[in-house]
Amino acid sequence: MPVNLDALLRYHTINNCLQRCGRKWSWEELANACADYADEVAYRDSRNIPSKRTIQNDIKIMRSGDLGYFAPIKTENGKYFYEDPDYSIKNATLNKNDFKAINTAAKVLGQYKGFDFFNDLNNIYKKFESKLYIKLQEEGQQAISFEKDEEARGIIYLHPLLNSIETKTVLNISYKKFTDDLPKNHIIHPYLLKEFDGRWYLLGWQDPGQYIITLALDRMENISEAIGYTYQERNFNAEEYFSNTLGITYTGEPAQSITIEVDANFAPFLLTKPLHKSQQLIHDDENIYVFSYKLVINQELENWVLAHSNHLKVLEPLMLRQSILEKIKKAYNNFS
């Protein structure tokens, strides 16, 4: 069951009170203790005392197995106490379902091996496994599979780049394009790490140059702190920056109205998983579906059209249609 922070604070405060041997607590005393502790944690000036109904419900939950507590809370003359003086909710163990959930989270998040804190999650999982004496059977564990390349170049930079973003550290990045013979140095104010099509990219403010640049991690040769630079935030908003963009390449050009015609075999793929949030179905019959978009024309968009060109055609704009046609002609010559 979902639990908010205020409720957790009350459970632990009630637990601390009931652990005091030789004393029994009325609901008013427990409520006041909860208010005092909440004010201390949140640095509040005014006290917010829980109601009788709230305290009674908290005790009901602590007694139950909803959170795995099964607290032995007894009542005598309207006052509460622990029947077992050695009990504490802090000693409560996770149940098998909790353990499986943590295991699944570790597997899902752990696909990105470049982030060290995912290793920390896996270590926590192993500690739980050891403490609870639960050993899940190996058969059937491979229920989730990801398309990934753990040995891809540049993955080692994920964690240090993330730290640089969080600490607002300006970087000196040695970067070698596929078309260059030698690497070049870029002074970057890092803003965002973004994954696309199995590759990771860093977006940041280039200094000098004064514009947002996108660098692929697999083309980085080295990264280090750039000395003597003051970090510039520029109020970068990733969602707004990529709002009209498919993929990772932002050209700076305005978005255009794009219309494509799709056959009946391919249409369900777009209907169940839209290419972009701007997608609109403007015509359909048994054989032909027409979709409209508001997108910046970039390499990723053209690659997508080319990849599915046997199922669709571009109706507008003309410049995109002609660009795709030239690439199809070149592909035809390569295979003819």
C-alpha atoms as a PDB file:
ATOM      1  CA  MET A   1       0.000   0.000   0.000  1.00  0.00           C
ATOM      2  CA  PRO A   2       1.313   3.511  -0.762  1.00  0.00           C
ATOM      3  CA  VAL A   3       2.448   5.503   2.286  1.00  0.00           C
ATOM      4  CA  ASN A   4       3.261   9.207   2.438  1.00  0.00           C
ATOM      5  CA  LEU A   5       6.083  10.723   4.476  1.00  0.00           C
ATOM      6  CA  ASP A   6       3.826  12.194   7.167  1.00  0.00           C
ATOM      7  CA  ALA A   7       2.318   8.760   7.853  1.00  0.00           C
ATOM      8  CA  LEU A   8       5.764   7.136   8.066  1.00  0.00           C
ATOM      9  CA  LEU A   9       6.898   9.793  10.534  1.00  0.00           C
ATOM     10  CA  ARG A  10       3.851   9.067  12.705  1.00  0.00           C
ATOM     11  CA  TYR A  11       4.428   5.296  12.603  1.00  0.00           C
ATOM     12  CA  HIS A  12       8.023   5.692  13.756  1.00  0.00           C
ATOM     13  CA  THR A  13       7.092   8.249  16.404  1.00  0.00           C
ATOM     14  CA  ILE A  14       4.385   5.965  17.789  1.00  0.00           C
ATOM     15  CA  ASN A  15       6.878   3.105  17.697  1.00  0.00           C
ATOM     16  CA  ASN A  16       9.446   5.129  19.676  1.00  0.00           C
ATOM     17  CA  CYS A  17       6.819   6.000  22.279  1.00  0.00           C
ATOM     18  CA  LEU A  18       5.530   2.457  22.720  1.00  0.00           C
ATOM     19  CA  GLN A  19       9.075   1.129  23.102  1.00  0.00           C
ATOM     20  CA  ARG A  20       9.389   2.976  26.404  1.00  0.00           C
ATOM     21  CA  CYS A  21       8.871   0.145  28.852  1.00  0.00           C
ATOM     22  CA  GLY A  22       6.623   0.679  31.837  1.00  0.00           C
ATOM     23  CA  ARG A  23       4.578   3.433  30.209  1.00  0.00           C
ATOM     24  CA  LYS A  24       1.248   3.367  28.418  1.00  0.00           C
ATOM     25  CA  TRP A  25       0.116   6.065  26.022  1.00  0.00           C
ATOM     26  CA  SER A  26      -3.244   7.697  25.339  1.00  0.00           C
ATOM     27  CA  TRP A  27      -4.057   8.697  21.787  1.00  0.00           C
ATOM     28  CA  GLU A  28      -3.694  12.372  22.791  1.00  0.00           C
ATOM     29  CA  GLU A  29      -0.156  11.767  24.070  1.00  0.00           C
ATOM     30  CA  LEU A  30       0.770   9.910  20.887  1.00  0.00           C
ATOM     31  CA  ALA A  31      -0.749  12.682  18.749  1.00  0.00           C
ATOM     32  CA  ASN A  32       1.216  15.365  20.583  1.00  0.00           C
ATOM     33  CA  ALA A  33       4.434  13.355  20.249  1.00  0.00           C
ATOM     34  CA  CYS A  34       3.800  13.013  16.490  1.00  0.00           C
ATOM     35  CA  ALA A  35       3.189  16.763  16.173  1.00  0.00           C
ATOM     36  CA  ASP A  36       6.364  17.595  18.103  1.00  0.00           C
ATOM     37  CA  TYR A  37       8.517  15.299  15.980  1.00  0.00           C
ATOM     38  CA  ALA A  38       6.986  16.481  12.680  1.00  0.00           C
ATOM     39  CA  ASP A  39       7.621  20.102  13.639  1.00  0.00           C
ATOM     40  CA  GLU A  40      11.210  19.274  14.548  1.00  0.00           C
ATOM     41  CA  VAL A  41      11.854  17.489  11.238  1.00  0.00           C
ATOM     42  CA  ALA A  42      10.140  20.117   9.055  1.00  0.00           C
ATOM     43  CA  TYR A  43      11.301  23.150  11.110  1.00  0.00           C
ATOM     44  CA  ARG A  44       7.717  24.358  11.391  1.00  0.00           C
ATOM     45  CA  ASP A  45       6.621  27.112  13.755  1.00  0.00           C
ATOM     46  CA  SER A  46       3.014  25.945  14.164  1.00  0.00           C
ATOM     47  CA  ARG A  47       2.000  22.489  15.434  1.00  0.00           C
ATOM     48  CA  ASN A  48      -0.288  20.264  13.399  1.00  0.00           C
ATOM     49  CA  ILE A  49      -1.707  17.698  15.839  1.00  0.00           C
ATOM     50  CA  PRO A  50      -3.119  14.488  14.281  1.00  0.00           C
ATOM     51  CA  SER A  51      -6.734  13.666  15.071  1.00  0.00           C
ATOM     52  CA  LYS A  52      -7.934  10.735  17.178  1.00  0.00           C
ATOM     53  CA  ARG A  53      -9.147   9.003  14.024  1.00  0.00           C
ATOM     54  CA  THR A  54      -5.710   9.409  12.407  1.00  0.00           C
ATOM     55  CA  ILE A  55      -3.864   7.916  15.394  1.00  0.00           C
ATOM     56  CA  GLN A  56      -6.332   5.023  15.630  1.00  0.00           C
ATOM     57  CA  ASN A  57      -5.947   4.314  11.918  1.00  0.00           C
ATOM     58  CA  ASP A  58      -2.140   4.448  12.256  1.00  0.00           C
ATOM     59  CA  ILE A  59      -2.271   1.878  15.031  1.00  0.00           C
ATOM     60  CA  LYS A  60      -4.590  -0.298  12.963  1.00  0.00           C
ATOM     61  CA  ILE A  61      -2.105  -0.247  10.062  1.00  0.00           C
ATOM     62  CA  MET A  62       0.834  -0.954  12.376  1.00  0.00           C
ATOM     63  CA  ARG A  63      -1.002  -3.936  13.826  1.00  0.00           C
ATOM     64  CA  SER A  64      -1.766  -5.308  10.378  1.00  0.00           C
ATOM     65  CA  GLY A  65       0.542  -6.858   7.845  1.00  0.00           C
ATOM     66  CA  ASP A  66      -0.056  -4.184   5.218  1.00  0.00           C
ATOM     67  CA  LEU A  67       3.446  -2.811   5.760  1.00  0.00           C
ATOM     68  CA  GLY A  68       4.879  -5.996   7.248  1.00  0.00           C
ATOM     69  CA  TYR A  69       4.850  -4.617  10.825  1.00  0.00           C
ATOM     70  CA  PHE A  70       2.367  -6.908  12.654  1.00  0.00           C
ATOM     71  CA  ALA A  71       3.000  -4.701  15.702  1.00  0.00           C
ATOM     72  CA  PRO A  72       1.826  -6.306  19.013  1.00  0.00           C
ATOM     73  CA  ILE A  73      -0.007  -3.177  20.181  1.00  0.00           C
ATOM     74  CA  LYS A  74      -2.384  -3.769  23.077  1.00  0.00           C
ATOM     75  CA  THR A  75      -4.944  -1.434  24.669  1.00  0.00           C
ATOM     76  CA  GLU A  76      -5.691  -1.119  28.387  1.00  0.00           C
ATOM     77  CA  ASN A  77      -8.023   1.526  29.803  1.00  0.00           C
ATOM     78  CA  GLY A  78      -7.790   3.465  26.567  1.00  0.00           C
ATOM     79  CA  LYS A  79      -3.988   3.504  26.566  1.00  0.00           C
ATOM     80  CA  TYR A  80      -1.631   1.771  24.160  1.00  0.00           C
ATOM     81  CA  PHE A  81       1.543  -0.285  24.767  1.00  0.00           C
ATOM     82  CA  TYR A  82       3.638  -3.049  23.196  1.00  0.00           C
ATOM     83  CA  GLU A  83       2.827  -6.524  24.495  1.00  0.00           C
ATOM     84  CA  ASP A  84       6.392  -7.509  23.540  1.00  0.00           C
ATOM     85  CA  PRO A  85       8.766  -4.935  25.096  1.00  0.00           C
ATOM     86  CA  ASP A  86      11.525  -5.921  22.646  1.00  0.00           C
ATOM     87  CA  TYR A  87       9.413  -5.257  19.549  1.00  0.00           C
ATOM     88  CA  SER A  88      10.149  -2.423  17.117  1.00  0.00           C
ATOM     89  CA  ILE A  89       8.872  -1.770  13.605  1.00  0.00           C
ATOM     90  CA  LYS A  90      12.507  -1.100  12.706  1.00  0.00           C
ATOM     91  CA  ASN A  91      13.099  -4.839  13.129  1.00  0.00           C
ATOM     92  CA  ALA A  92      10.290  -5.758  10.747  1.00  0.00           C
ATOM     93  CA  THR A  93      11.554  -7.616   7.704  1.00  0.00           C
ATOM     94  CA  LEU A  94      10.412  -7.360   4.132  1.00  0.00           C
ATOM     95  CA  ASN A  95       8.114 -10.034   2.851  1.00  0.00           C
ATOM     96  CA  LYS A  96       8.829 -12.087  -0.245  1.00  0.00           C
ATOM     97  CA  ASN A  97       6.765  -9.821  -2.509  1.00  0.00           C
ATOM     98  CA  ASP A  98       8.691  -6.769  -1.274  1.00  0.00           C
ATOM     99  CA  PHE A  99      11.935  -8.582  -1.960  1.00  0.00           C
ATOM    100  CA  LYS A 100      10.843  -9.527  -5.481  1.00  0.00           C
ATOM    101  CA  ALA A 101       9.868  -5.919  -6.172  1.00  0.00           C
ATOM    102  CA  ILE A 102      13.327  -4.685  -5.156  1.00  0.00           C
ATOM    103  CA  ASN A 103      14.921  -7.414  -7.254  1.00  0.00           C
ATOM    104  CA  THR A 104      12.868  -6.384 -10.305  1.00  0.00           C
ATOM    105  CA  ALA A 105      13.729  -2.701  -9.804  1.00  0.00           C
ATOM    106  CA  ALA A 106      17.413  -3.579  -9.625  1.00  0.00           C
ATOM    107  CA  LYS A 107      17.152  -5.522 -12.898  1.00  0.00           C
ATOM    108  CA  VAL A 108      15.229  -2.772 -14.698  1.00  0.00           C
ATOM    109  CA  LEU A 109      17.409   0.113 -13.540  1.00  0.00           C
ATOM    110  CA  GLY A 110      20.599  -1.893 -13.687  1.00  0.00           C
ATOM    111  CA  GLN A 111      20.505  -2.045 -17.493  1.00  0.00           C
ATOM    112  CA  TYR A 112      22.340   1.281 -17.502  1.00  0.00           C
ATOM    113  CA  LYS A 113      25.659   0.086 -16.155  1.00  0.00           C
ATOM    114  CA  GLY A 114      27.277   3.515 -16.355  1.00  0.00           C
ATOM    115  CA  PHE A 115      25.420   4.836 -13.315  1.00  0.00           C
ATOM    116  CA  ASP A 116      27.125   3.788 -10.086  1.00  0.00           C
ATOM    117  CA  PHE A 117      24.031   4.313  -7.948  1.00  0.00           C
ATOM    118  CA  PHE A 118      22.354   1.428  -9.764  1.00  0.00           C
ATOM    119  CA  ASN A 119      25.164  -0.749  -8.408  1.00  0.00           C
ATOM    120  CA  ASP A 120      24.278   0.610  -4.967  1.00  0.00           C
ATOM    121  CA  LEU A 121      20.686  -0.553  -5.490  1.00  0.00           C
ATOM    122  CA  ASN A 122      21.901  -4.009  -6.415  1.00  0.00           C
ATOM    123  CA  ASN A 123      24.073  -4.100  -3.278  1.00  0.00           C
ATOM    124  CA  ILE A 124      21.033  -3.199  -1.156  1.00  0.00           C
ATOM    125  CA  TYR A 125      19.162  -6.066  -2.827  1.00  0.00           C
ATOM    126  CA  LYS A 126      21.941  -8.496  -1.943  1.00  0.00           C
ATOM    127  CA  LYS A 127      21.944  -7.306   1.676  1.00  0.00           C
ATOM    128  CA  PHE A 128      18.207  -7.927   1.903  1.00  0.00           C
ATOM    129  CA  GLU A 129      18.700 -11.362   0.399  1.00  0.00           C
ATOM    130  CA  SER A 130      21.316 -12.225   2.986  1.00  0.00           C
ATOM    131  CA  LYS A 131      19.321 -10.829   5.925  1.00  0.00           C
ATOM    132  CA  LEU A 132      16.015 -12.411   4.967  1.00  0.00           C
ATOM    133  CA  TYR A 133      17.472 -15.796   4.019  1.00  0.00           C
ATOM    134  CA  ILE A 134      15.434 -15.721   0.824  1.00  0.00           C
ATOM    135  CA  LYS A 135      16.997 -17.245  -2.240  1.00  0.00           C
ATOM    136  CA  LEU A 136      14.870 -16.863  -5.354  1.00  0.00           C
ATOM    137  CA  GLN A 137      15.063 -19.728  -7.780  1.00  0.00           C
ATOM    138  CA  GLU A 138      17.101 -18.960 -10.861  1.00  0.00           C
ATOM    139  CA  GLU A 139      14.693 -20.557 -13.300  1.00  0.00           C
ATOM    140  CA  GLY A 140      12.242 -18.060 -14.746  1.00  0.00           C
ATOM    141  CA  GLN A 141      14.209 -15.046 -13.565  1.00  0.00           C
ATOM    142  CA  GLN A 142      14.974 -13.854 -17.103  1.00  0.00           C
ATOM    143  CA  ALA A 143      11.500 -12.404 -17.623  1.00  0.00           C
ATOM    144  CA  ILE A 144      12.668  -8.971 -18.818  1.00  0.00           C
ATOM    145  CA  SER A 145      15.107  -8.407 -21.663  1.00  0.00           C
ATOM    146  CA  PHE A 146      16.524  -5.080 -22.828  1.00  0.00           C
ATOM    147  CA  GLU A 147      18.186  -4.081 -26.050  1.00  0.00           C
ATOM    148  CA  LYS A 148      21.469  -2.673 -24.838  1.00  0.00           C
ATOM    149  CA  ASP A 149      25.198  -2.721 -25.395  1.00  0.00           C
ATOM    150  CA  GLU A 150      26.951  -2.740 -22.046  1.00  0.00           C
ATOM    151  CA  GLU A 151      30.345  -2.421 -23.720  1.00  0.00           C
ATOM    152  CA  ALA A 152      29.429   0.606 -25.857  1.00  0.00           C
ATOM    153  CA  ARG A 153      32.074   3.320 -25.897  1.00  0.00           C
ATOM    154  CA  GLY A 154      31.400   6.322 -23.711  1.00  0.00           C
ATOM    155  CA  ILE A 155      29.328   4.528 -21.075  1.00  0.00           C
ATOM    156  CA  ILE A 156      32.098   5.147 -18.546  1.00  0.00           C
ATOM    157  CA  TYR A 157      31.370   8.883 -18.766  1.00  0.00           C
ATOM    158  CA  LEU A 158      27.718   8.597 -17.698  1.00  0.00           C
ATOM    159  CA  HIS A 159      28.250   8.899 -13.960  1.00  0.00           C
ATOM    160  CA  PRO A 160      30.909  11.659 -13.991  1.00  0.00           C
ATOM    161  CA  LEU A 161      28.820  13.678 -16.456  1.00  0.00           C
ATOM    162  CA  LEU A 162      25.750  13.314 -14.254  1.00  0.00           C
ATOM    163  CA  ASN A 163      27.788  14.504 -11.278  1.00  0.00           C
ATOM    164  CA  SER A 164      28.987  17.489 -13.303  1.00  0.00           C
ATOM    165  CA  ILE A 165      25.392  18.448 -14.115  1.00  0.00           C
ATOM    166  CA  GLU A 166      24.338  18.155 -10.477  1.00  0.00           C
ATOM    167  CA  THR A 167      27.344  20.104  -9.169  1.00  0.00           C
ATOM    168  CA  LYS A 168      27.208  22.681 -12.009  1.00  0.00           C
ATOM    169  CA  THR A 169      30.780  22.022 -13.078  1.00  0.00           C
ATOM    170  CA  VAL A 170      32.080  23.402 -16.399  1.00  0.00           C
ATOM    171  CA  LEU A 171      33.840  20.712 -18.435  1.00  0.00           C
ATOM    172  CA  ASN A 172      36.673  20.513 -20.922  1.00  0.00           C
ATOM    173  CA  ILE A 173      35.733  17.675 -23.274  1.00  0.00           C
ATOM    174  CA  SER A 174      38.096  16.194 -25.830  1.00  0.00           C
ATOM    175  CA  TYR A 175      35.808  15.128 -28.673  1.00  0.00           C
ATOM    176  CA  LYS A 176      36.503  13.385 -31.988  1.00  0.00           C
ATOM    177  CA  LYS A 177      33.868  13.297 -34.704  1.00  0.00           C
ATOM    178  CA  PHE A 178      33.752  10.290 -36.998  1.00  0.00           C
ATOM    179  CA  THR A 179      34.845  12.570 -39.866  1.00  0.00           C
ATOM    180  CA  ASP A 180      37.751  14.200 -38.006  1.00  0.00           C
ATOM    181  CA  ASP A 181      41.339  12.984 -37.883  1.00  0.00           C
ATOM    182  CA  LEU A 182      42.086  14.525 -34.492  1.00  0.00           C
ATOM    183  CA  PRO A 183      39.983  15.326 -31.425  1.00  0.00           C
ATOM    184  CA  LYS A 184      39.002  18.908 -30.559  1.00  0.00           C
ATOM    185  CA  ASN A 185      38.435  20.436 -27.131  1.00  0.00           C
ATOM    186  CA  HIS A 186      35.021  21.841 -26.181  1.00  0.00           C
ATOM    187  CA  ILE A 187      34.301  23.970 -23.113  1.00  0.00           C
ATOM    188  CA  ILE A 188      30.823  22.822 -22.060  1.00  0.00           C
ATOM    189  CA  HIS A 189      28.367  23.880 -19.365  1.00  0.00           C
ATOM    190  CA  PRO A 190      26.538  20.510 -19.055  1.00  0.00           C
ATOM    191  CA  TYR A 191      22.724  20.535 -18.840  1.00  0.00           C
ATOM    192  CA  LEU A 192      21.269  17.169 -19.829  1.00  0.00           C
ATOM    193  CA  LEU A 193      22.055  13.510 -20.512  1.00  0.00           C
ATOM    194  CA  LYS A 194      19.724  12.011 -23.109  1.00  0.00           C
ATOM    195  CA  GLU A 195      19.486   8.522 -24.574  1.00  0.00           C
ATOM    196  CA  PHE A 196      18.338   7.909 -28.127  1.00  0.00           C
ATOM    197  CA  ASP A 197      18.525   4.792 -30.276  1.00  0.00           C
ATOM    198  CA  GLY A 198      20.940   3.009 -27.949  1.00  0.00           C
ATOM    199  CA  ARG A 199      23.387   5.928 -27.663  1.00  0.00           C
ATOM    200  CA  TRP A 200      23.875   8.526 -24.934  1.00  0.00           C
ATOM    201  CA  TYR A 201      24.303  12.243 -25.593  1.00  0.00           C
ATOM    202  CA  LEU A 202      25.279  15.272 -23.532  1.00  0.00           C
ATOM    203  CA  LEU A 203      23.630  18.631 -24.143  1.00  0.00           C
ATOM    204  CA  GLY A 204      25.243  21.786 -22.842  1.00  0.00           C
ATOM    205  CA  TRP A 205      26.123  25.427 -23.457  1.00  0.00           C
ATOM    206  CA  GLN A 206      29.268  25.761 -25.558  1.00  0.00           C
ATOM    207  CA  ASP A 207      31.754  28.408 -24.440  1.00  0.00           C
ATOM    208  CA  PRO A 208      32.924  30.042 -26.676  1.00  0.00           C
ATOM    209  CA  GLY A 209      30.247  29.772 -29.335  1.00  0.00           C
ATOM    210  CA  GLN A 210      27.324  30.666 -27.091  1.00  0.00           C
ATOM    211  CA  TYR A 211      24.866  28.013 -28.216  1.00  0.00           C
ATOM    212  CA  ILE A 212      23.520  24.623 -27.117  1.00  0.00           C
ATOM    213  CA  ILE A 213      25.635  21.771 -28.446  1.00  0.00           C
ATOM    214  CA  THR A 214      24.989  18.017 -28.511  1.00  0.00           C
ATOM    215  CA  LEU A 215      27.916  15.641 -28.008  1.00  0.00           C
ATOM    216  CA  ALA A 216      27.753  11.854 -28.270  1.00  0.00           C
ATOM    217  CA  LEU A 217      29.410  10.066 -25.367  1.00  0.00           C
ATOM    218  CA  ASP A 218      30.918   7.424 -27.653  1.00  0.00           C
ATOM    219  CA  ARG A 219      32.977  10.111 -29.384  1.00  0.00           C
ATOM    220  CA  MET A 220      34.421  11.583 -26.199  1.00  0.00           C
ATOM    221  CA  GLU A 221      38.125  10.965 -25.690  1.00  0.00           C
ATOM    222  CA  ASN A 222      38.487  12.588 -22.279  1.00  0.00           C
ATOM    223  CA  ILE A 223      36.627  14.860 -19.852  1.00  0.00           C
ATOM    224  CA  SER A 224      38.036  17.135 -17.153  1.00  0.00           C
ATOM    225  CA  GLU A 225      37.021  20.193 -15.172  1.00  0.00           C
ATOM    226  CA  ALA A 226      37.471  23.476 -17.062  1.00  0.00           C
ATOM    227  CA  ILE A 227      39.313  25.841 -14.740  1.00  0.00           C
ATOM    228  CA  GLY A 228      38.428  29.544 -14.658  1.00  0.00           C
ATOM    229  CA  TYR A 229      34.859  29.298 -15.987  1.00  0.00           C
ATOM    230  CA  THR A 230      31.632  30.217 -14.200  1.00  0.00           C
ATOM    231  CA  TYR A 231      28.754  27.823 -14.827  1.00  0.00           C
ATOM    232  CA  GLN A 232      25.913  29.329 -16.901  1.00  0.00           C
ATOM    233  CA  GLU A 233      22.475  27.789 -16.364  1.00  0.00           C
ATOM    234  CA  ARG A 234      20.581  29.648 -19.130  1.00  0.00           C
ATOM    235  CA  ASN A 235      17.251  28.289 -17.787  1.00  0.00           C
ATOM    236  CA  PHE A 236      17.552  25.251 -20.047  1.00  0.00           C
ATOM    237  CA  ASN A 237      14.250  23.358 -20.373  1.00  0.00           C
ATOM    238  CA  ALA A 238      14.728  19.948 -22.002  1.00  0.00           C
ATOM    239  CA  GLU A 239      11.022  19.325 -22.606  1.00  0.00           C
ATOM    240  CA  GLU A 240      10.612  22.660 -24.369  1.00  0.00           C
ATOM    241  CA  TYR A 241      13.880  22.267 -26.283  1.00  0.00           C
ATOM    242  CA  PHE A 242      12.816  18.913 -27.772  1.00  0.00           C
ATOM    243  CA  SER A 243       9.084  19.658 -27.998  1.00  0.00           C
ATOM    244  CA  ASN A 244       9.019  19.650 -31.819  1.00  0.00           C
ATOM    245  CA  THR A 245      11.968  17.339 -32.386  1.00  0.00           C
ATOM    246  CA  LEU A 246      12.198  13.653 -33.170  1.00  0.00           C
ATOM    247  CA  GLY A 247      15.372  12.154 -31.774  1.00  0.00           C
ATOM    248  CA  ILE A 248      18.410  14.083 -30.579  1.00  0.00           C
ATOM    249  CA  THR A 249      19.211  16.589 -33.355  1.00  0.00           C
ATOM    250  CA  TYR A 250      17.811  20.083 -32.844  1.00  0.00           C
ATOM    251  CA  THR A 251      18.581  22.176 -35.921  1.00  0.00           C
ATOM    252  CA  GLY A 252      17.277  25.495 -34.644  1.00  0.00           C
ATOM    253  CA  GLU A 253      14.839  25.634 -37.547  1.00  0.00           C
ATOM    254  CA  PRO A 254      11.111  26.150 -36.898  1.00  0.00           C
ATOM    255  CA  ALA A 255       8.765  23.185 -36.872  1.00  0.00           C
ATOM    256  CA  GLN A 256       6.909  22.459 -40.109  1.00  0.00           C
ATOM    257  CA  SER A 257       3.589  20.841 -40.965  1.00  0.00           C
ATOM    258  CA  ILE A 258       4.321  17.331 -42.205  1.00  0.00           C
ATOM    259  CA  THR A 259       1.783  14.990 -43.768  1.00  0.00           C
ATOM    260  CA  ILE A 260       2.386  11.325 -44.521  1.00  0.00           C
ATOM    261  CA  GLU A 261       0.231   8.662 -46.117  1.00  0.00           C
ATOM    262  CA  VAL A 262       0.462   5.187 -44.579  1.00  0.00           C
ATOM    263  CA  ASP A 263      -0.828   1.814 -45.745  1.00  0.00           C
ATOM    264  CA  ALA A 264      -3.191  -0.315 -43.685  1.00  0.00           C
ATOM    265  CA  ASN A 265      -0.429  -2.712 -42.599  1.00  0.00           C
ATOM    266  CA  PHE A 266       1.694  -0.026 -40.960  1.00  0.00           C
ATOM    267  CA  ALA A 267      -1.067   2.235 -39.603  1.00  0.00           C
ATOM    268  CA  PRO A 268      -1.701   0.175 -36.419  1.00  0.00           C
ATOM    269  CA  PHE A 269       1.893   0.788 -35.313  1.00  0.00           C
ATOM    270  CA  LEU A 270       1.323   4.551 -35.388  1.00  0.00           C
ATOM    271  CA  LEU A 271      -2.135   4.308 -33.880  1.00  0.00           C
ATOM    272  CA  THR A 272      -0.878   2.330 -30.889  1.00  0.00           C
ATOM    273  CA  LYS A 273       2.433   4.172 -30.514  1.00  0.00           C
ATOM    274  CA  PRO A 274       2.367   7.691 -32.035  1.00  0.00           C
ATOM    275  CA  LEU A 275       5.557   8.905 -33.656  1.00  0.00           C
ATOM    276  CA  HIS A 276       5.240  12.265 -31.866  1.00  0.00           C
ATOM    277  CA  LYS A 277       2.817  14.005 -29.514  1.00  0.00           C
ATOM    278  CA  SER A 278       1.684  16.266 -32.397  1.00  0.00           C
ATOM    279  CA  GLN A 279       0.431  13.276 -34.401  1.00  0.00           C
ATOM    280  CA  GLN A 280      -3.123  13.565 -35.733  1.00  0.00           C
ATOM    281  CA  LEU A 281      -5.078  11.148 -37.875  1.00  0.00           C
ATOM    282  CA  ILE A 282      -6.705  13.299 -40.562  1.00  0.00           C
ATOM    283  CA  HIS A 283      -8.011  10.602 -42.926  1.00  0.00           C
ATOM    284  CA  ASP A 284      -8.587   6.876 -42.900  1.00  0.00           C
ATOM    285  CA  ASP A 285     -10.354   4.227 -44.915  1.00  0.00           C
ATOM    286  CA  GLU A 286      -9.772   0.519 -45.377  1.00  0.00           C
ATOM    287  CA  ASN A 287      -6.463   0.946 -47.189  1.00  0.00           C
ATOM    288  CA  ILE A 288      -5.078   4.447 -46.613  1.00  0.00           C
ATOM    289  CA  TYR A 289      -4.350   6.418 -43.448  1.00  0.00           C
ATOM    290  CA  VAL A 290      -3.094  10.002 -43.451  1.00  0.00           C
ATOM    291  CA  PHE A 291      -1.285  11.485 -40.429  1.00  0.00           C
ATOM    292  CA  SER A 292      -0.148  15.053 -39.783  1.00  0.00           C
ATOM    293  CA  TYR A 293       2.707  16.257 -37.566  1.00  0.00           C
ATOM    294  CA  LYS A 294       4.348  19.453 -36.390  1.00  0.00           C
ATOM    295  CA  LEU A 295       8.057  18.667 -36.451  1.00  0.00           C
ATOM    296  CA  VAL A 296      11.506  20.063 -37.151  1.00  0.00           C
ATOM    297  CA  ILE A 297      12.972  18.306 -40.181  1.00  0.00           C
ATOM    298  CA  ASN A 298      16.180  16.617 -39.035  1.00  0.00           C
ATOM    299  CA  GLN A 299      18.252  13.522 -39.760  1.00  0.00           C
ATOM    300  CA  GLU A 300      16.318  11.321 -37.343  1.00  0.00           C
ATOM    301  CA  LEU A 301      13.005  12.148 -39.028  1.00  0.00           C
ATOM    302  CA  GLU A 302      14.405  11.390 -42.468  1.00  0.00           C
ATOM    303  CA  ASN A 303      15.912   8.133 -41.209  1.00  0.00           C
ATOM    304  CA  TRP A 304      12.533   7.098 -39.805  1.00  0.00           C
ATOM    305  CA  VAL A 305      10.782   7.831 -43.099  1.00  0.00           C
ATOM    306  CA  LEU A 306      13.436   5.915 -45.048  1.00  0.00           C
ATOM    307  CA  ALA A 307      13.221   2.943 -42.693  1.00  0.00           C
ATOM    308  CA  HIS A 308       9.478   2.611 -43.382  1.00  0.00           C
ATOM    309  CA  SER A 309       9.376   3.940 -46.946  1.00  0.00           C
ATOM    310  CA  ASN A 310       7.873   0.690 -48.252  1.00  0.00           C
ATOM    311  CA  HIS A 311       4.768   1.451 -46.158  1.00  0.00           C
ATOM    312  CA  LEU A 312       4.394   5.222 -46.505  1.00  0.00           C
ATOM    313  CA  LYS A 313       4.990   8.313 -48.568  1.00  0.00           C
ATOM    314  CA  VAL A 314       5.489  11.974 -47.691  1.00  0.00           C
ATOM    315  CA  LEU A 315       2.726  14.214 -49.016  1.00  0.00           C
ATOM    316  CA  GLU A 316       4.182  17.473 -47.697  1.00  0.00           C
ATOM    317  CA  PRO A 317       6.353  19.463 -47.396  1.00  0.00           C
ATOM    318  CA  LEU A 318       7.868  19.159 -50.857  1.00  0.00           C
ATOM    319  CA  MET A 319      11.437  19.689 -49.652  1.00  0.00           C
ATOM    320  CA  LEU A 320      11.216  16.660 -47.335  1.00  0.00           C
ATOM    321  CA  ARG A 321       9.632  14.575 -50.076  1.00  0.00           C
ATOM    322  CA  GLN A 322      12.443  15.491 -52.503  1.00  0.00           C
ATOM    323  CA  SER A 323      15.157  14.823 -49.934  1.00  0.00           C
ATOM    324  CA  ILE A 324      13.740  11.357 -49.253  1.00  0.00           C
ATOM    325  CA  LEU A 325      13.445  10.687 -52.992  1.00  0.00           C
ATOM    326  CA  GLU A 326      17.126  11.527 -53.554  1.00  0.00           C
ATOM    327  CA  LYS A 327      18.177   9.122 -50.823  1.00  0.00           C
ATOM    328  CA  ILE A 328      15.945   6.364 -52.199  1.00  0.00           C
ATOM    329  CA  LYS A 329      17.477   6.860 -55.657  1.00  0.00           C
ATOM    330  CA  LYS A 330      20.954   6.536 -54.165  1.00  0.00           C
ATOM    331  CA  ALA A 331      19.909   3.396 -52.294  1.00  0.00           C
ATOM    332  CA  TYR A 332      18.465   1.967 -55.507  1.00  0.00           C
ATOM    333  CA  ASN A 333      21.746   2.588 -57.336  1.00  0.00           C
ATOM    334  CA  ASN A 334      23.641   0.855 -54.520  1.00  0.00           C
ATOM    335  CA  PHE A 335      21.524  -2.280 -54.903  1.00  0.00           C
ATOM    336  CA  SER A 336      20.907  -2.303 -58.661  1.00  0.00           C
END
